[in-house]
C-alpha atoms as a PDB file:
ATOM      1  CA  MET A   1      -0.004   0.328  -0.155  1.00  0.00           C
ATOM      2  CA  ASN A   2       1.451   3.174  -1.065  1.00  0.00           C
ATOM      3  CA  VAL A   3       1.386   6.072   1.491  1.00  0.00           C
ATOM      4  CA  ALA A   4       1.520   9.747   0.473  1.00  0.00           C
ATOM      5  CA  VAL A   5       2.182  12.135   3.634  1.00  0.00           C
ATOM      6  CA  VAL A   6       0.927  15.959   2.295  1.00  0.00           C
ATOM      7  CA  ILE A   7       2.178  18.496   4.933  1.00  0.00           C
ATOM      8  CA  LEU A   8      -0.265  22.139   3.423  1.00  0.00           C
ATOM      9  CA  ASN A   9       2.088  24.640   3.558  1.00  0.00           C
ATOM     10  CA  TRP A  10       1.041  28.573   3.589  1.00  0.00           C
ATOM     11  CA  ASN A  11       4.180  30.939   4.876  1.00  0.00           C
ATOM     12  CA  GLY A  12       5.393  28.466   7.205  1.00  0.00           C
ATOM     13  CA  GLN A  13       8.935  28.749   6.621  1.00  0.00           C
ATOM     14  CA  LYS A  14       9.417  28.343  10.565  1.00  0.00           C
ATOM     15  CA  LEU A  15       7.185  25.329  10.991  1.00  0.00           C
ATOM     16  CA  LEU A  16       8.947  23.305   8.334  1.00  0.00           C
ATOM     17  CA  GLU A  17      12.271  24.068   9.909  1.00  0.00           C
ATOM     18  CA  GLN A  18      11.221  22.801  13.256  1.00  0.00           C
ATOM     19  CA  PHE A  19       8.552  19.750  12.140  1.00  0.00           C
ATOM     20  CA  LEU A  20       9.858  18.831   9.161  1.00  0.00           C
ATOM     21  CA  PRO A  21      12.952  16.796  10.189  1.00  0.00           C
ATOM     22  CA  SER A  22      10.611  14.487  12.195  1.00  0.00           C
ATOM     23  CA  VAL A  23       8.193  13.741   9.557  1.00  0.00           C
ATOM     24  CA  ILE A  24      11.283  13.123   7.175  1.00  0.00           C
ATOM     25  CA  LYS A  25      12.988  11.009   9.983  1.00  0.00           C
ATOM     26  CA  PHE A  26      10.223   8.888  11.063  1.00  0.00           C
ATOM     27  CA  SER A  27       8.495   8.535   7.422  1.00  0.00           C
ATOM     28  CA  GLU A  28      10.813   8.497   4.935  1.00  0.00           C
ATOM     29  CA  ASN A  29      10.738   4.806   4.430  1.00  0.00           C
ATOM     30  CA  GLU A  30       7.017   4.148   4.732  1.00  0.00           C
ATOM     31  CA  ALA A  31       6.095   7.095   2.625  1.00  0.00           C
ATOM     32  CA  THR A  32       6.761   9.422  -0.318  1.00  0.00           C
ATOM     33  CA  ILE A  33       6.518  13.583   1.195  1.00  0.00           C
ATOM     34  CA  TYR A  34       4.957  16.589   0.014  1.00  0.00           C
ATOM     35  CA  VAL A  35       5.094  19.810   0.935  1.00  0.00           C
ATOM     36  CA  ALA A  36       1.871  21.214  -1.184  1.00  0.00           C
ATOM     37  CA  ASP A  37       2.172  25.177  -0.606  1.00  0.00           C
ATOM     38  CA  ASN A  38      -0.654  27.584  -0.916  1.00  0.00           C
ATOM     39  CA  ALA A  39       1.228  30.833  -2.685  1.00  0.00           C
ATOM     40  CA  SER A  40       3.631  31.464  -0.046  1.00  0.00           C
ATOM     41  CA  THR A  41       5.060  34.772  -0.138  1.00  0.00           C
ATOM     42  CA  ASP A  42       7.589  33.710   2.220  1.00  0.00           C
ATOM     43  CA  ASP A  43      10.868  31.725   1.803  1.00  0.00           C
ATOM     44  CA  SER A  44       9.924  28.193   2.696  1.00  0.00           C
ATOM     45  CA  VAL A  45       9.864  26.457  -0.517  1.00  0.00           C
ATOM     46  CA  LYS A  46      13.036  27.549  -1.987  1.00  0.00           C
ATOM     47  CA  PHE A  47      14.111  26.700   2.125  1.00  0.00           C
ATOM     48  CA  VAL A  48      12.981  23.044   1.856  1.00  0.00           C
ATOM     49  CA  GLN A  49      14.017  22.495  -1.908  1.00  0.00           C
ATOM     50  CA  GLN A  50      17.227  23.364  -0.156  1.00  0.00           C
ATOM     51  CA  GLN A  51      17.881  21.927   2.695  1.00  0.00           C
ATOM     52  CA  PHE A  52      15.276  18.784   1.935  1.00  0.00           C
ATOM     53  CA  PRO A  53      15.757  18.036  -1.310  1.00  0.00           C
ATOM     54  CA  ALA A  54      14.073  14.465  -1.308  1.00  0.00           C
ATOM     55  CA  VAL A  55      10.894  16.455  -0.014  1.00  0.00           C
ATOM     56  CA  LYS A  56       8.705  16.795  -3.159  1.00  0.00           C
ATOM     57  CA  ILE A  57       7.189  20.690  -3.626  1.00  0.00           C
ATOM     58  CA  ILE A  58       3.331  20.648  -4.697  1.00  0.00           C
ATOM     59  CA  ARG A  59       2.577  24.218  -6.549  1.00  0.00           C
ATOM     60  CA  ASN A  60      -1.025  25.960  -5.544  1.00  0.00           C
ATOM     61  CA  LYS A  61      -1.641  28.478  -7.758  1.00  0.00           C
ATOM     62  CA  GLU A  62      -3.650  30.376  -5.038  1.00  0.00           C
ATOM     63  CA  ASN A  63      -4.376  30.185  -1.260  1.00  0.00           C
ATOM     64  CA  GLY A  64      -7.296  28.341  -1.142  1.00  0.00           C
ATOM     65  CA  GLY A  65      -7.276  27.578   2.311  1.00  0.00           C
ATOM     66  CA  TYR A  66      -6.989  24.094   4.049  1.00  0.00           C
ATOM     67  CA  ALA A  67     -10.182  23.181   1.690  1.00  0.00           C
ATOM     68  CA  LYS A  68      -9.386  24.019  -1.824  1.00  0.00           C
ATOM     69  CA  GLY A  69      -5.624  23.498  -1.294  1.00  0.00           C
ATOM     70  CA  TYR A  70      -5.782  20.281  -0.186  1.00  0.00           C
ATOM     71  CA  ASN A  71      -8.329  19.270  -3.015  1.00  0.00           C
ATOM     72  CA  ASN A  72      -5.879  21.233  -5.917  1.00  0.00           C
ATOM     73  CA  ALA A  73      -2.745  19.173  -3.818  1.00  0.00           C
ATOM     74  CA  LEU A  74      -3.944  15.633  -3.773  1.00  0.00           C
ATOM     75  CA  LYS A  75      -5.766  15.385  -7.811  1.00  0.00           C
ATOM     76  CA  ASN A  76      -2.609  14.233  -9.125  1.00  0.00           C
ATOM     77  CA  LEU A  77      -1.432  12.223  -6.366  1.00  0.00           C
ATOM     78  CA  SER A  78      -1.995   8.536  -7.127  1.00  0.00           C
ATOM     79  CA  GLU A  79      -0.760   7.052  -3.693  1.00  0.00           C
ATOM     80  CA  ASP A  80      -3.526   4.742  -1.999  1.00  0.00           C
ATOM     81  CA  ILE A  81      -3.603   6.582   0.959  1.00  0.00           C
ATOM     82  CA  PHE A  82      -3.238  10.218   1.615  1.00  0.00           C
ATOM     83  CA  VAL A  83      -1.734  11.732   5.145  1.00  0.00           C
ATOM     84  CA  LEU A  84      -2.959  14.967   5.789  1.00  0.00           C
ATOM     85  CA  LEU A  85      -0.257  16.549   8.120  1.00  0.00           C
ATOM     86  CA  ASN A  86      -0.509  20.202   9.227  1.00  0.00           C
ATOM     87  CA  SER A  87       2.636  21.970   9.314  1.00  0.00           C
ATOM     88  CA  ASP A  88       3.199  21.982  12.993  1.00  0.00           C
ATOM     89  CA  VAL A  89       3.166  18.629  14.029  1.00  0.00           C
ATOM     90  CA  GLU A  90       5.727  16.437  15.489  1.00  0.00           C
ATOM     91  CA  VAL A  91       5.464  12.995  14.638  1.00  0.00           C
ATOM     92  CA  THR A  92       6.781   9.538  16.235  1.00  0.00           C
ATOM     93  CA  GLU A  93       8.331   6.456  15.207  1.00  0.00           C
ATOM     94  CA  ASN A  94       5.843   4.025  13.847  1.00  0.00           C
ATOM     95  CA  TRP A  95       3.314   6.696  13.799  1.00  0.00           C
ATOM     96  CA  LEU A  96       2.766   5.818  10.480  1.00  0.00           C
ATOM     97  CA  THR A  97       3.252   1.292  10.776  1.00  0.00           C
ATOM     98  CA  THR A  98      -0.039   0.620  13.083  1.00  0.00           C
ATOM     99  CA  ILE A  99      -2.422   3.068  11.246  1.00  0.00           C
ATOM    100  CA  ILE A 100      -1.615   1.352   7.452  1.00  0.00           C
ATOM    101  CA  SER A 101      -2.045  -2.187   9.063  1.00  0.00           C
ATOM    102  CA  GLU A 102      -5.308  -1.108  10.013  1.00  0.00           C
ATOM    103  CA  PHE A 103      -5.787  -0.243   6.424  1.00  0.00           C
ATOM    104  CA  ASN A 104      -5.269  -3.469   5.267  1.00  0.00           C
ATOM    105  CA  LYS A 105      -7.033  -5.429   8.059  1.00  0.00           C
ATOM    106  CA  ASP A 106     -10.439  -2.975   7.473  1.00  0.00           C
ATOM    107  CA  GLU A 107     -11.208  -2.979   3.520  1.00  0.00           C
ATOM    108  CA  LYS A 108     -14.079  -0.732   4.758  1.00  0.00           C
ATOM    109  CA  LEU A 109     -11.611   2.043   6.757  1.00  0.00           C
ATOM    110  CA  VAL A 110     -11.581   4.873   4.827  1.00  0.00           C
ATOM    111  CA  ALA A 111     -10.247   7.326   7.627  1.00  0.00           C
ATOM    112  CA  ALA A 112      -8.250   7.410  10.785  1.00  0.00           C
ATOM    113  CA  GLN A 113      -6.261   9.481  12.820  1.00  0.00           C
ATOM    114  CA  PRO A 114      -3.366   8.981  15.621  1.00  0.00           C
ATOM    115  CA  LYS A 115      -3.433   9.883  19.209  1.00  0.00           C
ATOM    116  CA  ILE A 116      -3.084  13.754  19.428  1.00  0.00           C
ATOM    117  CA  LEU A 117      -1.369  15.128  22.251  1.00  0.00           C
ATOM    118  CA  ASP A 118      -0.234  18.678  23.028  1.00  0.00           C
ATOM    119  CA  PHE A 119       3.266  19.522  21.829  1.00  0.00           C
ATOM    120  CA  LYS A 120       3.482  22.628  24.832  1.00  0.00           C
ATOM    121  CA  ASN A 121       2.106  20.272  27.246  1.00  0.00           C
ATOM    122  CA  LYS A 122       3.187  16.181  26.217  1.00  0.00           C
ATOM    123  CA  GLU A 123       1.379  15.013  28.870  1.00  0.00           C
ATOM    124  CA  TYR A 124      -1.852  16.142  28.032  1.00  0.00           C
ATOM    125  CA  PHE A 125      -4.028  15.659  24.965  1.00  0.00           C
ATOM    126  CA  GLU A 126      -4.400  18.580  21.962  1.00  0.00           C
ATOM    127  CA  TYR A 127      -7.819  20.445  21.268  1.00  0.00           C
ATOM    128  CA  ALA A 128      -8.003  19.598  17.526  1.00  0.00           C
ATOM    129  CA  GLY A 129      -8.817  15.394  17.543  1.00  0.00           C
ATOM    130  CA  ALA A 130      -7.379  14.922  20.840  1.00  0.00           C
ATOM    131  CA  ALA A 131      -8.563  10.816  20.957  1.00  0.00           C
ATOM    132  CA  GLY A 132     -10.999  11.066  18.084  1.00  0.00           C
ATOM    133  CA  GLY A 133     -13.890  12.958  17.193  1.00  0.00           C
ATOM    134  CA  PHE A 134     -17.902  13.297  17.739  1.00  0.00           C
ATOM    135  CA  ILE A 135     -20.726  15.668  16.938  1.00  0.00           C
ATOM    136  CA  ASP A 136     -24.504  15.998  18.830  1.00  0.00           C
ATOM    137  CA  LYS A 137     -27.336  16.453  16.673  1.00  0.00           C
ATOM    138  CA  PHE A 138     -26.673  20.700  17.150  1.00  0.00           C
ATOM    139  CA  GLY A 139     -23.713  19.933  15.529  1.00  0.00           C
ATOM    140  CA  TYR A 140     -20.987  20.512  18.705  1.00  0.00           C
ATOM    141  CA  PRO A 141     -18.136  18.783  18.110  1.00  0.00           C
ATOM    142  CA  PHE A 142     -15.937  17.496  20.669  1.00  0.00           C
ATOM    143  CA  CYS A 143     -13.594  14.667  21.161  1.00  0.00           C
ATOM    144  CA  ARG A 144     -12.703  11.990  23.561  1.00  0.00           C
ATOM    145  CA  GLY A 145      -9.939  13.617  25.823  1.00  0.00           C
ATOM    146  CA  ARG A 146     -11.581  17.096  25.248  1.00  0.00           C
ATOM    147  CA  ILE A 147     -14.740  18.453  25.951  1.00  0.00           C
ATOM    148  CA  PHE A 148     -15.187  21.963  25.381  1.00  0.00           C
ATOM    149  CA  ASN A 149     -12.098  23.579  26.634  1.00  0.00           C
ATOM    150  CA  THR A 150     -11.512  20.873  29.304  1.00  0.00           C
ATOM    151  CA  ILE A 151      -9.084  18.714  28.077  1.00  0.00           C
ATOM    152  CA  GLU A 152      -7.690  15.631  29.910  1.00  0.00           C
ATOM    153  CA  LYS A 153      -4.591  14.325  30.828  1.00  0.00           C
ATOM    154  CA  ASP A 154      -3.057  11.264  28.707  1.00  0.00           C
ATOM    155  CA  GLN A 155      -2.930   8.202  31.316  1.00  0.00           C
ATOM    156  CA  GLU A 156      -3.217   5.666  28.567  1.00  0.00           C
ATOM    157  CA  GLN A 157      -7.186   5.237  28.837  1.00  0.00           C
ATOM    158  CA  TYR A 158      -7.311   5.615  25.397  1.00  0.00           C
ATOM    159  CA  ASN A 159      -4.781   3.459  24.066  1.00  0.00           C
ATOM    160  CA  ASP A 160      -7.278   1.496  21.630  1.00  0.00           C
ATOM    161  CA  ILE A 161      -8.504   1.408  18.759  1.00  0.00           C
ATOM    162  CA  LYS A 162     -12.207   2.496  18.506  1.00  0.00           C
ATOM    163  CA  THR A 163     -14.980   3.597  15.695  1.00  0.00           C
ATOM    164  CA  ILE A 164     -15.441   7.296  15.840  1.00  0.00           C
ATOM    165  CA  PHE A 165     -17.340  10.330  13.738  1.00  0.00           C
ATOM    166  CA  TRP A 166     -14.917  12.466  13.118  1.00  0.00           C
ATOM    167  CA  ALA A 167     -10.376  12.808  12.375  1.00  0.00           C
ATOM    168  CA  THR A 168      -9.103  15.390  12.626  1.00  0.00           C
ATOM    169  CA  GLY A 169      -7.708  17.294  10.060  1.00  0.00           C
ATOM    170  CA  ALA A 170      -4.249  18.305  11.318  1.00  0.00           C
ATOM    171  CA  CYS A 171      -3.227  14.662  10.771  1.00  0.00           C
ATOM    172  CA  LEU A 172      -5.618  12.934   8.700  1.00  0.00           C
ATOM    173  CA  PHE A 173      -5.336   9.536   6.948  1.00  0.00           C
ATOM    174  CA  VAL A 174      -8.196   8.953   4.054  1.00  0.00           C
ATOM    175  CA  ARG A 175      -8.022   6.706   1.098  1.00  0.00           C
ATOM    176  CA  ASN A 176      -7.387   8.210  -2.216  1.00  0.00           C
ATOM    177  CA  GLU A 177      -9.792   6.334  -3.852  1.00  0.00           C
ATOM    178  CA  ALA A 178     -13.090   7.188  -1.291  1.00  0.00           C
ATOM    179  CA  PHE A 179     -11.342  10.951  -1.174  1.00  0.00           C
ATOM    180  CA  SER A 180     -12.069  11.302  -5.097  1.00  0.00           C
ATOM    181  CA  LYS A 181     -15.083   9.670  -4.667  1.00  0.00           C
ATOM    182  CA  LEU A 182     -16.891  12.354  -2.998  1.00  0.00           C
ATOM    183  CA  GLU A 183     -14.635  14.961  -5.224  1.00  0.00           C
ATOM    184  CA  GLY A 184     -12.887  15.757  -1.735  1.00  0.00           C
ATOM    185  CA  PHE A 185     -13.257  18.593   0.422  1.00  0.00           C
ATOM    186  CA  ASP A 186     -15.897  21.183   0.322  1.00  0.00           C
ATOM    187  CA  GLU A 187     -14.442  24.172  -0.965  1.00  0.00           C
ATOM    188  CA  ASP A 188     -17.025  26.904   0.389  1.00  0.00           C
ATOM    189  CA  PHE A 189     -15.955  25.792   3.415  1.00  0.00           C
ATOM    190  CA  PHE A 190     -12.865  26.878   2.944  1.00  0.00           C
ATOM    191  CA  ALA A 191     -11.064  26.079   6.272  1.00  0.00           C
ATOM    192  CA  HIS A 192     -12.268  24.717   9.669  1.00  0.00           C
ATOM    193  CA  GLN A 193     -15.203  21.618  10.015  1.00  0.00           C
ATOM    194  CA  GLU A 194     -14.383  20.983   6.332  1.00  0.00           C
ATOM    195  CA  GLU A 195     -12.591  17.143   8.055  1.00  0.00           C
ATOM    196  CA  ILE A 196     -15.936  16.788   9.685  1.00  0.00           C
ATOM    197  CA  ASP A 197     -18.097  17.086   6.708  1.00  0.00           C
ATOM    198  CA  LEU A 198     -16.113  14.599   4.888  1.00  0.00           C
ATOM    199  CA  CYS A 199     -15.880  12.372   7.631  1.00  0.00           C
ATOM    200  CA  TRP A 200     -19.800  12.507   7.613  1.00  0.00           C
ATOM    201  CA  ARG A 201     -20.393  11.797   3.963  1.00  0.00           C
ATOM    202  CA  LEU A 202     -17.725   8.790   3.943  1.00  0.00           C
ATOM    203  CA  GLN A 203     -19.604   7.015   6.971  1.00  0.00           C
ATOM    204  CA  SER A 204     -23.190   7.994   5.234  1.00  0.00           C
ATOM    205  CA  ARG A 205     -22.633   5.852   2.611  1.00  0.00           C
ATOM    206  CA  GLY A 206     -21.378   2.714   4.517  1.00  0.00           C
ATOM    207  CA  ASN A 207     -17.888   3.326   5.252  1.00  0.00           C
ATOM    208  CA  ASN A 208     -15.371   3.064   8.791  1.00  0.00           C
ATOM    209  CA  ILE A 209     -13.822   5.921  10.747  1.00  0.00           C
ATOM    210  CA  LYS A 210     -11.122   5.155  13.406  1.00  0.00           C
ATOM    211  CA  TYR A 211      -9.200   6.331  16.057  1.00  0.00           C
ATOM    212  CA  ILE A 212      -5.276   4.337  16.298  1.00  0.00           C
ATOM    213  CA  GLY A 213      -4.422   5.131  19.346  1.00  0.00           C
ATOM    214  CA  THR A 214      -1.465   3.028  19.212  1.00  0.00           C
ATOM    215  CA  SER A 215       0.261   5.797  16.943  1.00  0.00           C
ATOM    216  CA  THR A 216       0.952   9.549  18.563  1.00  0.00           C
ATOM    217  CA  VAL A 217       1.936  12.707  17.153  1.00  0.00           C
ATOM    218  CA  PHE A 218       2.178  16.210  19.308  1.00  0.00           C
ATOM    219  CA  HIS A 219       0.773  18.574  17.576  1.00  0.00           C
ATOM    220  CA  VAL A 220       0.881  22.839  18.519  1.00  0.00           C
ATOM    221  CA  GLY A 221      -2.565  23.826  17.301  1.00  0.00           C
ATOM    222  CA  GLY A 222      -3.694  27.436  16.579  1.00  0.00           C
ATOM    223  CA  ALA A 223      -0.205  28.067  14.526  1.00  0.00           C
ATOM    224  CA  THR A 224      -2.494  29.420  11.369  1.00  0.00           C
ATOM    225  CA  LEU A 225      -5.554  30.791  13.181  1.00  0.00           C
ATOM    226  CA  SER A 226      -5.540  31.178  16.993  1.00  0.00           C
ATOM    227  CA  ALA A 227      -8.325  30.072  19.024  1.00  0.00           C
ATOM    228  CA  SER A 228      -7.900  34.265  20.102  1.00  0.00           C
ATOM    229  CA  ASN A 229      -8.526  35.003  16.253  1.00  0.00           C
ATOM    230  CA  SER A 230     -12.472  36.369  15.681  1.00  0.00           C
ATOM    231  CA  ARG A 231     -11.737  34.596  12.025  1.00  0.00           C
ATOM    232  CA  LYS A 232     -11.645  31.284  13.668  1.00  0.00           C
ATOM    233  CA  THR A 233     -14.880  31.901  15.032  1.00  0.00           C
ATOM    234  CA  PHE A 234     -16.190  32.978  12.049  1.00  0.00           C
ATOM    235  CA  TYR A 235     -15.423  29.996  10.145  1.00  0.00           C
ATOM    236  CA  ASN A 236     -16.390  27.652  12.949  1.00  0.00           C
ATOM    237  CA  PHE A 237     -19.640  28.875  13.295  1.00  0.00           C
ATOM    238  CA  ARG A 238     -20.789  29.797   9.753  1.00  0.00           C
ATOM    239  CA  ASN A 239     -19.784  25.956   8.918  1.00  0.00           C
ATOM    240  CA  THR A 240     -20.934  24.265  11.428  1.00  0.00           C
ATOM    241  CA  LEU A 241     -24.567  25.268  10.199  1.00  0.00           C
ATOM    242  CA  LEU A 242     -23.869  25.374   6.479  1.00  0.00           C
ATOM    243  CA  MET A 243     -22.674  20.942   7.526  1.00  0.00           C
ATOM    244  CA  LEU A 244     -26.066  20.665   9.223  1.00  0.00           C
ATOM    245  CA  LEU A 245     -28.196  21.776   6.639  1.00  0.00           C
ATOM    246  CA  LYS A 246     -26.112  20.207   3.814  1.00  0.00           C
ATOM    247  CA  ASN A 247     -26.112  16.456   5.838  1.00  0.00           C
ATOM    248  CA  VAL A 248     -29.247  16.224   7.854  1.00  0.00           C
ATOM    249  CA  LYS A 249     -31.676  14.544   5.865  1.00  0.00           C
ATOM    250  CA  GLY A 250     -35.520  15.967   6.499  1.00  0.00           C
ATOM    251  CA  THR A 251     -37.270  18.850   7.715  1.00  0.00           C
ATOM    252  CA  ARG A 252     -35.723  17.812  11.241  1.00  0.00           C
ATOM    253  CA  VAL A 253     -33.247  20.000  10.000  1.00  0.00           C
ATOM    254  CA  TRP A 254     -34.473  23.335  10.530  1.00  0.00           C
ATOM    255  CA  GLY A 255     -35.460  22.290  13.916  1.00  0.00           C
ATOM    256  CA  PHE A 256     -31.891  21.989  15.054  1.00  0.00           C
ATOM    257  CA  ILE A 257     -30.589  24.827  12.795  1.00  0.00           C
ATOM    258  CA  LEU A 258     -32.844  27.210  14.873  1.00  0.00           C
ATOM    259  CA  ILE A 259     -31.406  25.729  18.069  1.00  0.00           C
ATOM    260  CA  ARG A 260     -28.149  26.265  16.925  1.00  0.00           C
ATOM    261  CA  LEU A 261     -28.724  29.811  16.030  1.00  0.00           C
ATOM    262  CA  LEU A 262     -30.352  30.751  19.777  1.00  0.00           C
ATOM    263  CA  LEU A 263     -27.190  28.542  21.380  1.00  0.00           C
ATOM    264  CA  ASP A 264     -24.651  30.829  18.691  1.00  0.00           C
ATOM    265  CA  GLY A 265     -26.584  33.961  20.230  1.00  0.00           C
ATOM    266  CA  LEU A 266     -25.813  33.011  23.722  1.00  0.00           C
ATOM    267  CA  ALA A 267     -22.616  32.779  22.762  1.00  0.00           C
ATOM    268  CA  GLY A 268     -22.083  35.691  21.111  1.00  0.00           C
ATOM    269  CA  PHE A 269     -23.905  37.374  24.592  1.00  0.00           C
ATOM    270  CA  GLN A 270     -21.099  35.412  26.626  1.00  0.00           C
ATOM    271  CA  PHE A 271     -18.554  36.589  24.722  1.00  0.00           C
ATOM    272  CA  LEU A 272     -19.751  40.618  25.207  1.00  0.00           C
ATOM    273  CA  LEU A 273     -19.647  40.370  28.977  1.00  0.00           C
ATOM    274  CA  GLN A 274     -16.310  39.145  28.227  1.00  0.00           C
ATOM    275  CA  GLY A 275     -15.698  42.158  26.601  1.00  0.00           C
ATOM    276  CA  LYS A 276     -14.526  40.213  23.006  1.00  0.00           C
ATOM    277  CA  PHE A 277     -16.429  42.519  20.626  1.00  0.00           C
ATOM    278  CA  LYS A 278     -14.823  41.042  17.940  1.00  0.00           C
ATOM    279  CA  HIS A 279     -15.853  37.196  18.555  1.00  0.00           C
ATOM    280  CA  THR A 280     -19.502  38.529  18.859  1.00  0.00           C
ATOM    281  CA  LEU A 281     -19.723  40.635  15.700  1.00  0.00           C
ATOM    282  CA  ALA A 282     -17.959  37.428  14.190  1.00  0.00           C
ATOM    283  CA  ILE A 283     -20.383  35.153  14.976  1.00  0.00           C
ATOM    284  CA  ILE A 284     -23.097  37.843  13.832  1.00  0.00           C
ATOM    285  CA  GLN A 285     -21.278  37.772  10.510  1.00  0.00           C
ATOM    286  CA  ALA A 286     -21.028  33.623  10.462  1.00  0.00           C
ATOM    287  CA  HIS A 287     -25.048  34.002  10.605  1.00  0.00           C
ATOM    288  CA  PHE A 288     -25.539  36.230   7.525  1.00  0.00           C
ATOM    289  CA  SER A 289     -22.540  34.453   5.540  1.00  0.00           C
ATOM    290  CA  PHE A 290     -24.907  31.696   6.590  1.00  0.00           C
ATOM    291  CA  TYR A 291     -28.032  32.914   5.185  1.00  0.00           C
ATOM    292  CA  SER A 292     -26.374  33.960   1.901  1.00  0.00           C
ATOM    293  CA  LEU A 293     -25.341  30.465   1.261  1.00  0.00           C
ATOM    294  CA  ILE A 294     -28.533  28.499   2.002  1.00  0.00           C
ATOM    295  CA  PRO A 295     -29.654  28.567  -1.506  1.00  0.00           C
ATOM    296  CA  LYS A 296     -26.385  27.268  -2.676  1.00  0.00           C
ATOM    297  CA  PHE A 297     -25.924  24.296   0.110  1.00  0.00           C
ATOM    298  CA  LEU A 298     -30.217  23.731  -0.549  1.00  0.00           C
ATOM    299  CA  GLU A 299     -28.718  22.502  -4.249  1.00  0.00           C
ATOM    300  CA  LYS A 300     -25.966  20.454  -2.447  1.00  0.00           C
ATOM    301  CA  ARG A 301     -27.743  18.687  -0.265  1.00  0.00           C
ATOM    302  CA  LYS A 302     -30.922  17.144  -2.667  1.00  0.00           C
ATOM    303  CA  LYS A 303     -27.722  15.133  -3.642  1.00  0.00           C
ATOM    304  CA  ILE A 304     -25.950  14.738  -0.035  1.00  0.00           C
ATOM    305  CA  ALA A 305     -28.354  14.000   2.833  1.00  0.00           C
ATOM    306  CA  SER A 306     -28.811  11.390   4.435  1.00  0.00           C
ATOM    307  CA  ASP A 307     -30.625   9.641   7.209  1.00  0.00           C
ATOM    308  CA  PHE A 308     -27.419   8.617   8.633  1.00  0.00           C
ATOM    309  CA  LYS A 309     -27.590   8.749  12.939  1.00  0.00           C
ATOM    310  CA  TYR A 310     -24.670  11.109  13.082  1.00  0.00           C
ATOM    311  CA  TYR A 311     -24.518  11.398  17.499  1.00  0.00           C
ATOM    312  CA  ASN A 312     -24.265   9.936  20.199  1.00  0.00           C
ATOM    313  CA  ILE A 313     -25.006  12.342  22.395  1.00  0.00           C
ATOM    314  CA  LYS A 314     -28.300  14.278  21.988  1.00  0.00           C
ATOM    315  CA  SER A 315     -26.800  18.146  23.463  1.00  0.00           C
ATOM    316  CA  ILE A 316     -23.078  17.747  24.486  1.00  0.00           C
ATOM    317  CA  VAL A 317     -23.829  21.643  25.674  1.00  0.00           C
ATOM    318  CA  LEU A 318     -26.360  20.471  28.332  1.00  0.00           C
ATOM    319  CA  GLU A 319     -24.147  17.235  29.535  1.00  0.00           C
ATOM    320  CA  TYR A 320     -21.163  20.040  30.048  1.00  0.00           C
ATOM    321  CA  TYR A 321     -22.537  22.859  31.056  1.00  0.00           C
ATOM    322  CA  LEU A 322     -25.665  21.476  33.246  1.00  0.00           C
ATOM    323  CA  ARG A 323     -25.122  17.713  34.596  1.00  0.00           C
ATOM    324  CA  LYS A 324     -21.174  18.602  34.173  1.00  0.00           C
ATOM    325  CA  ASN A 325     -20.350  15.596  32.456  1.00  0.00           C
ATOM    326  CA  ARG A 326     -16.845  16.686  31.623  1.00  0.00           C
ATOM    327  CA  THR A 327     -14.857  13.623  30.328  1.00  0.00           C
ATOM    328  CA  PHE A 328     -16.275  11.377  27.202  1.00  0.00           C
ATOM    329  CA  LYS A 329     -16.063   8.322  29.812  1.00  0.00           C
ATOM    330  CA  GLU A 330     -18.914  10.676  31.955  1.00  0.00           C
ATOM    331  CA  LEU A 331     -20.883  10.802  29.277  1.00  0.00           C
ATOM    332  CA  ASN A 332     -21.714   6.976  29.235  1.00  0.00           C
END
């Protein structure tokens, strides 16, 4: 089984300097390594060419964000498995081996992720992915090892292999055939939640997505857009609404969206009380952007929406804030 490790880069020379050596050290015997450049204006491409000539360069003509960037980069690759790896990830020995082995054993496995730990605090899980992703019926994502801002310490409690709902875009293993059949990521998302949307579509067609806890990587997180960046708030809130509209079949979707809009309003009010005015404005902008895209996404849902049950928790907001269940094991 041929493997391509593809690192999407935009003006990330410092990150490539720091993290590319570990990728090469622990991957070069098992995979072809690519840097897919999103029209960077720094010297990152030149740096890779000079310092790591074995790494192949893919040049995108524009910065189309995560979604379009990867779609453009992957369309001409022929490897069986793509590993979409953020440029701020440190990999470890045998990080590819156990996951590729699982792909060989399970023909229906189309996407997977390793254990994601925090590069800055290596005893703890990292926010973006942790030990595998889930969502509730209102589209709120959460993980084993991370629910909202409660992050668990890694005590080997998730050193297993488990079916999950979504695998993190920070280190996403995906079969070329399945990815291509769905025409990749939805480029209207630009960035954030596009991997959840992809995993939703993959599973609604009878495929499996797994967390493989025998493989570990360390992720910095927020290297492109930090949690304090209001643009990240915009994409997260807007894209969740778009994802629900696109994928949930039947009239029930409008009830879910209405409740989500109200909960978003509460979140915006909370930001206001905290003095985070830009984030409140970002939520308002996200809602108006969503409204403007409704006609386009109504057309998409005609082909995509399914009866697939995507949640195992009805409301993570209720569980977390009212019932005080702060870890995944407490939810069960």
